Protein backbone atom coordinates (compact mmCIF):
# COMPACT_ATOMS: atom_id res chain seq x y z
CA UNK A 1 5.15 2.87 -18.15
CA UNK A 2 9.20 2.64 -16.51
CA UNK A 3 9.47 6.08 -15.62
CA UNK A 4 5.88 6.70 -14.44
CA UNK A 5 6.95 3.34 -12.35
CA UNK A 6 10.07 5.09 -11.28
CA UNK A 7 8.41 8.41 -10.25
CA UNK A 8 5.81 5.93 -8.08
CA UNK A 9 8.52 4.72 -6.87
CA UNK A 10 10.62 7.69 -5.76
CA UNK A 11 6.91 9.30 -4.40
CA UNK A 12 6.60 5.99 -2.29
CA UNK A 13 9.73 6.35 -0.44
CA UNK A 14 9.25 10.16 0.71
CA UNK A 15 5.62 9.68 1.50
CA UNK A 16 6.73 5.97 4.09
CA UNK A 17 9.30 8.11 5.85
CA UNK A 18 7.09 10.36 7.88
CA UNK A 19 5.07 6.74 8.25
CA UNK A 20 2.83 6.93 11.52
CA UNK A 21 3.59 10.53 11.82
CA UNK A 22 0.69 12.66 10.92
CA UNK A 23 2.26 16.18 9.13
CA UNK A 24 0.36 18.15 7.93
CA UNK A 25 -1.01 16.98 4.06
CA UNK A 26 0.63 13.40 4.68
CA UNK A 27 -2.50 12.06 4.98
CA UNK A 28 -4.01 13.90 2.06
CA UNK A 29 -0.54 12.99 0.34
CA UNK A 30 -0.72 9.28 0.84
CA UNK A 31 -4.41 9.50 0.02
CA UNK A 32 -3.77 10.87 -2.85
CA UNK A 33 -0.96 8.44 -3.63
CA UNK A 34 -3.26 5.70 -3.10
CA UNK A 35 -5.53 6.64 -5.41
CA UNK A 36 -2.86 7.54 -7.84
CA UNK A 37 -2.21 3.42 -7.94
CA UNK A 38 -5.61 2.57 -8.42
CA UNK A 39 -6.33 4.58 -11.24
CA UNK A 40 -2.52 3.26 -13.18
CA UNK A 41 -4.22 -0.30 -12.40
CA UNK A 42 -2.13 -1.61 -9.74
CA UNK A 43 -4.97 -1.44 -6.82
CA UNK A 44 -8.47 -2.16 -7.52
CA UNK A 45 -9.88 -0.35 -3.99
CA UNK A 46 -8.06 -0.21 -0.35
CA UNK A 47 -11.46 -0.81 2.72
CA UNK A 48 -11.47 -1.39 6.57
CA UNK A 49 -13.61 -4.15 6.53
CA UNK A 50 -12.83 -4.84 10.16
CA UNK A 51 -9.75 -4.10 12.26
CA UNK A 52 -7.23 -4.26 9.13
CA UNK A 53 -7.58 -2.48 5.93
CA UNK A 54 -8.24 -5.18 2.66
CA UNK A 55 -5.39 -4.12 -0.55
CA UNK A 56 -7.18 -5.83 -3.32
CA UNK A 57 -4.69 -5.88 -6.19
CA UNK A 58 -5.00 -6.01 -9.91
CA UNK A 59 -2.89 -7.71 -12.45
CA UNK A 60 -0.32 -5.40 -13.09
CA UNK A 61 0.63 -5.49 -9.66
CA UNK A 62 2.47 -9.06 -9.98
CA UNK A 63 4.02 -6.57 -12.78
CA UNK A 64 6.14 -4.77 -9.97
CA UNK A 65 9.13 -6.03 -8.55
CA UNK A 66 9.02 -7.05 -4.94
CA UNK A 67 10.51 -3.66 -3.34
CA UNK A 68 7.67 -1.27 -5.27
CA UNK A 69 5.60 -3.95 -4.20
CA UNK A 70 6.54 -3.45 -0.68
CA UNK A 71 7.16 0.18 -1.48
CA UNK A 72 3.44 1.02 -3.00
CA UNK A 73 2.26 -1.32 0.22
CA UNK A 74 3.56 0.47 2.69
CA UNK A 75 1.74 3.59 2.17
CA UNK A 76 -1.23 1.98 2.55
CA UNK A 77 0.27 1.05 6.18
CA UNK A 78 1.26 4.53 7.45
CA UNK A 79 -1.91 5.72 6.06
CA UNK A 80 -3.53 3.23 7.91
CA UNK A 81 -1.38 3.00 10.98
CA UNK A 82 -1.15 7.13 11.30
CA UNK A 83 -4.85 7.14 12.11
CA UNK A 84 -4.19 3.85 14.19
CA UNK A 85 -1.81 2.58 16.08
CA UNK A 86 -3.42 -0.88 16.79
CA UNK A 87 -4.01 -1.28 12.90
CA UNK A 88 -1.31 -2.65 12.71
CA UNK A 89 -1.23 -4.82 9.44
CA UNK A 90 -2.30 -4.38 5.71
CA UNK A 91 -3.86 -8.15 4.14
CA UNK A 92 -3.88 -8.08 0.57
CA UNK A 93 -6.44 -9.72 -1.97
CA UNK A 94 -6.14 -10.86 -5.42
CA UNK A 95 -8.95 -8.70 -7.27
CA UNK A 96 -9.34 -11.88 -9.56
CA UNK A 97 -9.56 -14.40 -7.35
CA UNK A 98 -9.89 -13.03 -4.39
CA UNK A 99 -7.47 -14.97 -2.15
CA UNK A 100 -5.69 -13.61 0.39
CA UNK A 101 -2.06 -13.73 -1.33
CA UNK A 102 -0.19 -11.44 1.73
CA UNK A 103 0.24 -9.45 4.44
CA UNK A 104 2.28 -6.57 5.52
CA UNK A 105 3.25 -5.94 8.88
CA UNK A 106 6.30 -4.09 10.48
CA UNK A 107 6.79 -7.00 13.38
CA UNK A 108 7.30 -9.55 10.21
CA UNK A 109 9.60 -7.70 8.84
CA UNK A 110 6.88 -5.93 6.41
CA UNK A 111 5.60 -7.70 2.83
CA UNK A 112 5.16 -10.97 2.60
CA UNK A 113 3.56 -12.95 -0.34
CA UNK A 114 2.31 -15.87 -0.38
């Protein structure tokens, strides 16, 4: 499990290096990585209900280091901001309680957990 998280973290860093750019294949890689995080039980789902995407996190998300959380959420941010520059925020929600637990926004320094 630790090796898997390390690999996911490295992959997230590489994907985010190209945040905001639509290089051929980057969006597909970001989308696939988000799918991997859903399959790994870290995210439940991502949905764009209004202006900003809502990221629903599962209990395994809380066991990650702050850096891993930030890197994984930044991939969701990069995916959406690439196609819509006004979509500069990701709202985080707990999958069990439904409560808002944080926000990711580059202009405020990235991930902020409540």
